[in-house]
PDB file of N, CA and C in Angstrom:
ATOM      1  N   MET A   1     -22.164 -31.937  -2.360  1.00  0.00           N
ATOM      2  CA  MET A   1     -23.012 -30.796  -2.659  1.00  0.00           C
ATOM      3  C   MET A   1     -22.412 -29.511  -2.073  1.00  0.00           C
ATOM      4  N   LYS A   2     -21.843 -29.607  -0.853  1.00  0.00           N
ATOM      5  CA  LYS A   2     -21.231 -28.420  -0.251  1.00  0.00           C
ATOM      6  C   LYS A   2     -20.052 -27.943  -1.082  1.00  0.00           C
ATOM      7  N   GLU A   3     -19.255 -28.883  -1.565  1.00  0.00           N
ATOM      8  CA  GLU A   3     -18.090 -28.509  -2.368  1.00  0.00           C
ATOM      9  C   GLU A   3     -18.517 -27.839  -3.669  1.00  0.00           C
ATOM     10  N   GLU A   4     -19.588 -28.311  -4.261  1.00  0.00           N
ATOM     11  CA  GLU A   4     -20.087 -27.691  -5.487  1.00  0.00           C
ATOM     12  C   GLU A   4     -20.535 -26.255  -5.214  1.00  0.00           C
ATOM     13  N   ALA A   5     -21.191 -26.024  -4.090  1.00  0.00           N
ATOM     14  CA  ALA A   5     -21.614 -24.673  -3.724  1.00  0.00           C
ATOM     15  C   ALA A   5     -20.397 -23.775  -3.510  1.00  0.00           C
ATOM     16  N   ARG A   6     -19.359 -24.300  -2.872  1.00  0.00           N
ATOM     17  CA  ARG A   6     -18.129 -23.520  -2.657  1.00  0.00           C
ATOM     18  C   ARG A   6     -17.484 -23.147  -3.993  1.00  0.00           C
ATOM     19  N   MET A   7     -17.462 -24.098  -4.900  1.00  0.00           N
ATOM     20  CA  MET A   7     -16.862 -23.838  -6.209  1.00  0.00           C
ATOM     21  C   MET A   7     -17.635 -22.747  -6.958  1.00  0.00           C
ATOM     22  N   ILE A   8     -18.944 -22.794  -6.872  1.00  0.00           N
ATOM     23  CA  ILE A   8     -19.776 -21.784  -7.547  1.00  0.00           C
ATOM     24  C   ILE A   8     -19.539 -20.413  -6.932  1.00  0.00           C
ATOM     25  N   LEU A   9     -19.491 -20.358  -5.599  1.00  0.00           N
ATOM     26  CA  LEU A   9     -19.256 -19.080  -4.922  1.00  0.00           C
ATOM     27  C   LEU A   9     -17.863 -18.536  -5.250  1.00  0.00           C
ATOM     28  N   ARG A  10     -16.849 -19.391  -5.233  1.00  0.00           N
ATOM     29  CA  ARG A  10     -15.482 -18.950  -5.571  1.00  0.00           C
ATOM     30  C   ARG A  10     -15.434 -18.383  -6.982  1.00  0.00           C
ATOM     31  N   ALA A  11     -16.057 -19.073  -7.922  1.00  0.00           N
ATOM     32  CA  ALA A  11     -16.056 -18.615  -9.315  1.00  0.00           C
ATOM     33  C   ALA A  11     -16.757 -17.267  -9.442  1.00  0.00           C
ATOM     34  N   ALA A  12     -17.841 -17.075  -8.710  1.00  0.00           N
ATOM     35  CA  ALA A  12     -18.574 -15.808  -8.772  1.00  0.00           C
ATOM     36  C   ALA A  12     -17.743 -14.670  -8.185  1.00  0.00           C
ATOM     37  N   ILE A  13     -17.056 -14.932  -7.101  1.00  0.00           N
ATOM     38  CA  ILE A  13     -16.236 -13.892  -6.465  1.00  0.00           C
ATOM     39  C   ILE A  13     -15.052 -13.543  -7.351  1.00  0.00           C
ATOM     40  N   GLU A  14     -14.365 -14.534  -7.896  1.00  0.00           N
ATOM     41  CA  GLU A  14     -13.212 -14.288  -8.747  1.00  0.00           C
ATOM     42  C   GLU A  14     -13.596 -13.568 -10.033  1.00  0.00           C
ATOM     43  N   ALA A  15     -14.793 -13.808 -10.540  1.00  0.00           N
ATOM     44  CA  ALA A  15     -15.239 -13.157 -11.774  1.00  0.00           C
ATOM     45  C   ALA A  15     -15.457 -11.665 -11.551  1.00  0.00           C
ATOM     46  N   ASN A  16     -15.808 -11.271 -10.322  1.00  0.00           N
ATOM     47  CA  ASN A  16     -16.066  -9.864 -10.026  1.00  0.00           C
ATOM     48  C   ASN A  16     -14.803  -9.081  -9.694  1.00  0.00           C
ATOM     49  N   GLN A  17     -13.671  -9.749  -9.488  1.00  0.00           N
ATOM     50  CA  GLN A  17     -12.419  -9.080  -9.149  1.00  0.00           C
ATOM     51  C   GLN A  17     -11.667  -8.721 -10.421  1.00  0.00           C
ATOM     52  N   PRO A  18     -11.287  -7.439 -10.576  1.00  0.00           N
ATOM     53  CA  PRO A  18     -10.460  -7.082 -11.730  1.00  0.00           C
ATOM     54  C   PRO A  18      -9.094  -7.759 -11.605  1.00  0.00           C
ATOM     55  N   SER A  19      -8.609  -8.314 -12.684  1.00  0.00           N
ATOM     56  CA  SER A  19      -7.357  -9.064 -12.635  1.00  0.00           C
ATOM     57  C   SER A  19      -6.170  -8.164 -12.316  1.00  0.00           C
ATOM     58  N   ALA A  20      -6.207  -6.886 -12.715  1.00  0.00           N
ATOM     59  CA  ALA A  20      -5.093  -5.979 -12.438  1.00  0.00           C
ATOM     60  C   ALA A  20      -4.933  -5.742 -10.938  1.00  0.00           C
ATOM     61  N   VAL A  21      -6.055  -5.683 -10.216  1.00  0.00           N
ATOM     62  CA  VAL A  21      -6.000  -5.436  -8.778  1.00  0.00           C
ATOM     63  C   VAL A  21      -5.420  -6.648  -8.058  1.00  0.00           C
ATOM     64  N   ILE A  22      -5.746  -7.817  -8.524  1.00  0.00           N
ATOM     65  CA  ILE A  22      -5.271  -9.033  -7.885  1.00  0.00           C
ATOM     66  C   ILE A  22      -3.755  -9.170  -8.056  1.00  0.00           C
ATOM     67  N   LYS A  23      -3.231  -8.785  -9.205  1.00  0.00           N
ATOM     68  CA  LYS A  23      -1.817  -8.973  -9.505  1.00  0.00           C
ATOM     69  C   LYS A  23      -0.934  -7.909  -8.877  1.00  0.00           C
ATOM     70  N   LYS A  24      -1.465  -6.737  -8.558  1.00  0.00           N
ATOM     71  CA  LYS A  24      -0.670  -5.652  -8.006  1.00  0.00           C
ATOM     72  C   LYS A  24      -0.759  -5.646  -6.487  1.00  0.00           C
ATOM     73  N   GLY A  25       0.352  -5.315  -5.867  1.00  0.00           N
ATOM     74  CA  GLY A  25       0.371  -5.174  -4.423  1.00  0.00           C
ATOM     75  C   GLY A  25      -0.104  -3.785  -4.016  1.00  0.00           C
ATOM     76  N   LEU A  26      -0.233  -3.561  -2.737  1.00  0.00           N
ATOM     77  CA  LEU A  26      -0.733  -2.285  -2.226  1.00  0.00           C
ATOM     78  C   LEU A  26       0.183  -1.135  -2.625  1.00  0.00           C
ATOM     79  N   GLY A  27       1.494  -1.317  -2.480  1.00  0.00           N
ATOM     80  CA  GLY A  27       2.431  -0.252  -2.836  1.00  0.00           C
ATOM     81  C   GLY A  27       2.339   0.131  -4.296  1.00  0.00           C
ATOM     82  N   SER A  28       2.201  -0.846  -5.161  1.00  0.00           N
ATOM     83  CA  SER A  28       2.078  -0.580  -6.597  1.00  0.00           C
ATOM     84  C   SER A  28       0.785   0.156  -6.906  1.00  0.00           C
ATOM     85  N   ARG A  29      -0.285  -0.208  -6.232  1.00  0.00           N
ATOM     86  CA  ARG A  29      -1.571   0.472  -6.461  1.00  0.00           C
ATOM     87  C   ARG A  29      -1.517   1.911  -5.973  1.00  0.00           C
ATOM     88  N   ILE A  30      -0.874   2.165  -4.826  1.00  0.00           N
ATOM     89  CA  ILE A  30      -0.745   3.540  -4.322  1.00  0.00           C
ATOM     90  C   ILE A  30       0.100   4.364  -5.284  1.00  0.00           C
ATOM     91  N   HIS A  31       1.203   3.793  -5.746  1.00  0.00           N
ATOM     92  CA  HIS A  31       2.074   4.496  -6.697  1.00  0.00           C
ATOM     93  C   HIS A  31       1.301   4.867  -7.968  1.00  0.00           C
ATOM     94  N   ALA A  32       0.558   3.926  -8.505  1.00  0.00           N
ATOM     95  CA  ALA A  32      -0.209   4.186  -9.719  1.00  0.00           C
ATOM     96  C   ALA A  32      -1.254   5.275  -9.494  1.00  0.00           C
ATOM     97  N   HIS A  33      -1.836   5.294  -8.310  1.00  0.00           N
ATOM     98  CA  HIS A  33      -2.874   6.284  -8.007  1.00  0.00           C
ATOM     99  C   HIS A  33      -2.298   7.701  -8.003  1.00  0.00           C
ATOM    100  N   PHE A  34      -1.093   7.872  -7.441  1.00  0.00           N
ATOM    101  CA  PHE A  34      -0.521   9.205  -7.310  1.00  0.00           C
ATOM    102  C   PHE A  34       0.490   9.550  -8.407  1.00  0.00           C
ATOM    103  N   ALA A  35       0.753   8.644  -9.330  1.00  0.00           N
ATOM    104  CA  ALA A  35       1.755   8.867 -10.372  1.00  0.00           C
ATOM    105  C   ALA A  35       1.401  10.059 -11.261  1.00  0.00           C
ATOM    106  N   GLN A  36       0.136  10.315 -11.448  1.00  0.00           N
ATOM    107  CA  GLN A  36      -0.278  11.415 -12.320  1.00  0.00           C
ATOM    108  C   GLN A  36       0.109  12.776 -11.757  1.00  0.00           C
ATOM    109  N   LEU A  37       0.401  12.851 -10.464  1.00  0.00           N
ATOM    110  CA  LEU A  37       0.771  14.130  -9.864  1.00  0.00           C
ATOM    111  C   LEU A  37       2.204  14.522 -10.199  1.00  0.00           C
ATOM    112  N   GLY A  38       3.008  13.579 -10.619  1.00  0.00           N
ATOM    113  CA  GLY A  38       4.400  13.860 -10.958  1.00  0.00           C
ATOM    114  C   GLY A  38       5.287  13.745  -9.728  1.00  0.00           C
ATOM    115  N   VAL A  39       6.545  14.072  -9.927  1.00  0.00           N
ATOM    116  CA  VAL A  39       7.534  13.954  -8.859  1.00  0.00           C
ATOM    117  C   VAL A  39       7.556  15.237  -8.047  1.00  0.00           C
ATOM    118  N   VAL A  40       7.603  15.102  -6.748  1.00  0.00           N
ATOM    119  CA  VAL A  40       7.685  16.249  -5.857  1.00  0.00           C
ATOM    120  C   VAL A  40       9.040  16.193  -5.163  1.00  0.00           C
ATOM    121  N   GLU A  41       9.829  17.235  -5.343  1.00  0.00           N
ATOM    122  CA  GLU A  41      11.130  17.310  -4.690  1.00  0.00           C
ATOM    123  C   GLU A  41      11.027  18.292  -3.529  1.00  0.00           C
ATOM    124  N   LEU A  42      11.353  17.829  -2.365  1.00  0.00           N
ATOM    125  CA  LEU A  42      11.320  18.687  -1.189  1.00  0.00           C
ATOM    126  C   LEU A  42      12.743  18.983  -0.734  1.00  0.00           C
ATOM    127  N   GLU A  43      12.972  20.225  -0.327  1.00  0.00           N
ATOM    128  CA  GLU A  43      14.277  20.583   0.208  1.00  0.00           C
ATOM    129  C   GLU A  43      14.296  20.240   1.688  1.00  0.00           C
ATOM    130  N   LEU A  44      15.293  19.461   2.085  1.00  0.00           N
ATOM    131  CA  LEU A  44      15.418  19.108   3.487  1.00  0.00           C
ATOM    132  C   LEU A  44      16.310  20.136   4.174  1.00  0.00           C
ATOM    133  N   PRO A  45      15.871  20.686   5.291  1.00  0.00           N
ATOM    134  CA  PRO A  45      16.689  21.675   5.989  1.00  0.00           C
ATOM    135  C   PRO A  45      17.924  21.018   6.611  1.00  0.00           C
ATOM    136  N   GLN A  46      19.004  21.778   6.693  1.00  0.00           N
ATOM    137  CA  GLN A  46      20.214  21.293   7.330  1.00  0.00           C
ATOM    138  C   GLN A  46      20.002  21.262   8.838  1.00  0.00           C
ATOM    139  N   ARG A  47      20.581  20.264   9.486  1.00  0.00           N
ATOM    140  CA  ARG A  47      20.500  20.202  10.952  1.00  0.00           C
ATOM    141  C   ARG A  47      21.337  21.322  11.554  1.00  0.00           C
ATOM    142  N   SER A  48      20.773  21.982  12.551  1.00  0.00           N
ATOM    143  CA  SER A  48      21.526  23.040  13.216  1.00  0.00           C
ATOM    144  C   SER A  48      22.227  22.513  14.472  1.00  0.00           C
ATOM    145  N   SER A  49      21.775  21.365  14.969  1.00  0.00           N
ATOM    146  CA  SER A  49      22.414  20.779  16.142  1.00  0.00           C
ATOM    147  C   SER A  49      22.300  19.262  16.072  1.00  0.00           C
ATOM    148  N   GLN A  50      23.136  18.593  16.835  1.00  0.00           N
ATOM    149  CA  GLN A  50      23.102  17.138  16.889  1.00  0.00           C
ATOM    150  C   GLN A  50      21.964  16.684  17.797  1.00  0.00           C
ATOM    151  N   PRO A  51      21.309  15.592  17.472  1.00  0.00           N
ATOM    152  CA  PRO A  51      20.264  15.088  18.369  1.00  0.00           C
ATOM    153  C   PRO A  51      20.886  14.606  19.690  1.00  0.00           C
ATOM    154  N   THR A  52      20.128  14.750  20.752  1.00  0.00           N
ATOM    155  CA  THR A  52      20.607  14.297  22.065  1.00  0.00           C
ATOM    156  C   THR A  52      19.733  13.152  22.542  1.00  0.00           C
ATOM    157  N   PRO A  53      20.333  12.218  23.293  1.00  0.00           N
ATOM    158  CA  PRO A  53      19.542  11.099  23.799  1.00  0.00           C
ATOM    159  C   PRO A  53      18.532  11.552  24.858  1.00  0.00           C
ATOM    160  N   ALA A  54      17.464  10.780  24.976  1.00  0.00           N
ATOM    161  CA  ALA A  54      16.435  11.106  25.971  1.00  0.00           C
ATOM    162  C   ALA A  54      16.998  10.888  27.373  1.00  0.00           C
ATOM    163  N   GLN A  55      16.566  11.714  28.311  1.00  0.00           N
ATOM    164  CA  GLN A  55      16.978  11.609  29.706  1.00  0.00           C
ATOM    165  C   GLN A  55      15.816  11.058  30.515  1.00  0.00           C
ATOM    166  N   PHE A  56      15.990   9.866  31.094  1.00  0.00           N
ATOM    167  CA  PHE A  56      14.945   9.248  31.901  1.00  0.00           C
ATOM    168  C   PHE A  56      15.326   9.351  33.367  1.00  0.00           C
ATOM    169  N   GLY A  57      14.383   9.702  34.191  1.00  0.00           N
ATOM    170  CA  GLY A  57      14.643   9.812  35.630  1.00  0.00           C
ATOM    171  C   GLY A  57      15.223  11.186  35.951  1.00  0.00           C
ATOM    172  N   ALA A  58      15.350  11.425  37.241  1.00  0.00           N
ATOM    173  CA  ALA A  58      15.834  12.745  37.672  1.00  0.00           C
ATOM    174  C   ALA A  58      17.214  12.713  38.200  1.00  0.00           C
TER     175      ALA A  58
END
């Protein structure tokens, strides 16, 4: 009887999930959400100096 209840609950939950959401990963869903905005090209500034390592201690 418990297994039958589990099967009914699983079927009800799966029926409420859109199949497209289940098949797509998070990255694909984010991409699809923002795809309508188009491509944004940003200009990266040139480095004016080389990075220096952190100095720990005195």
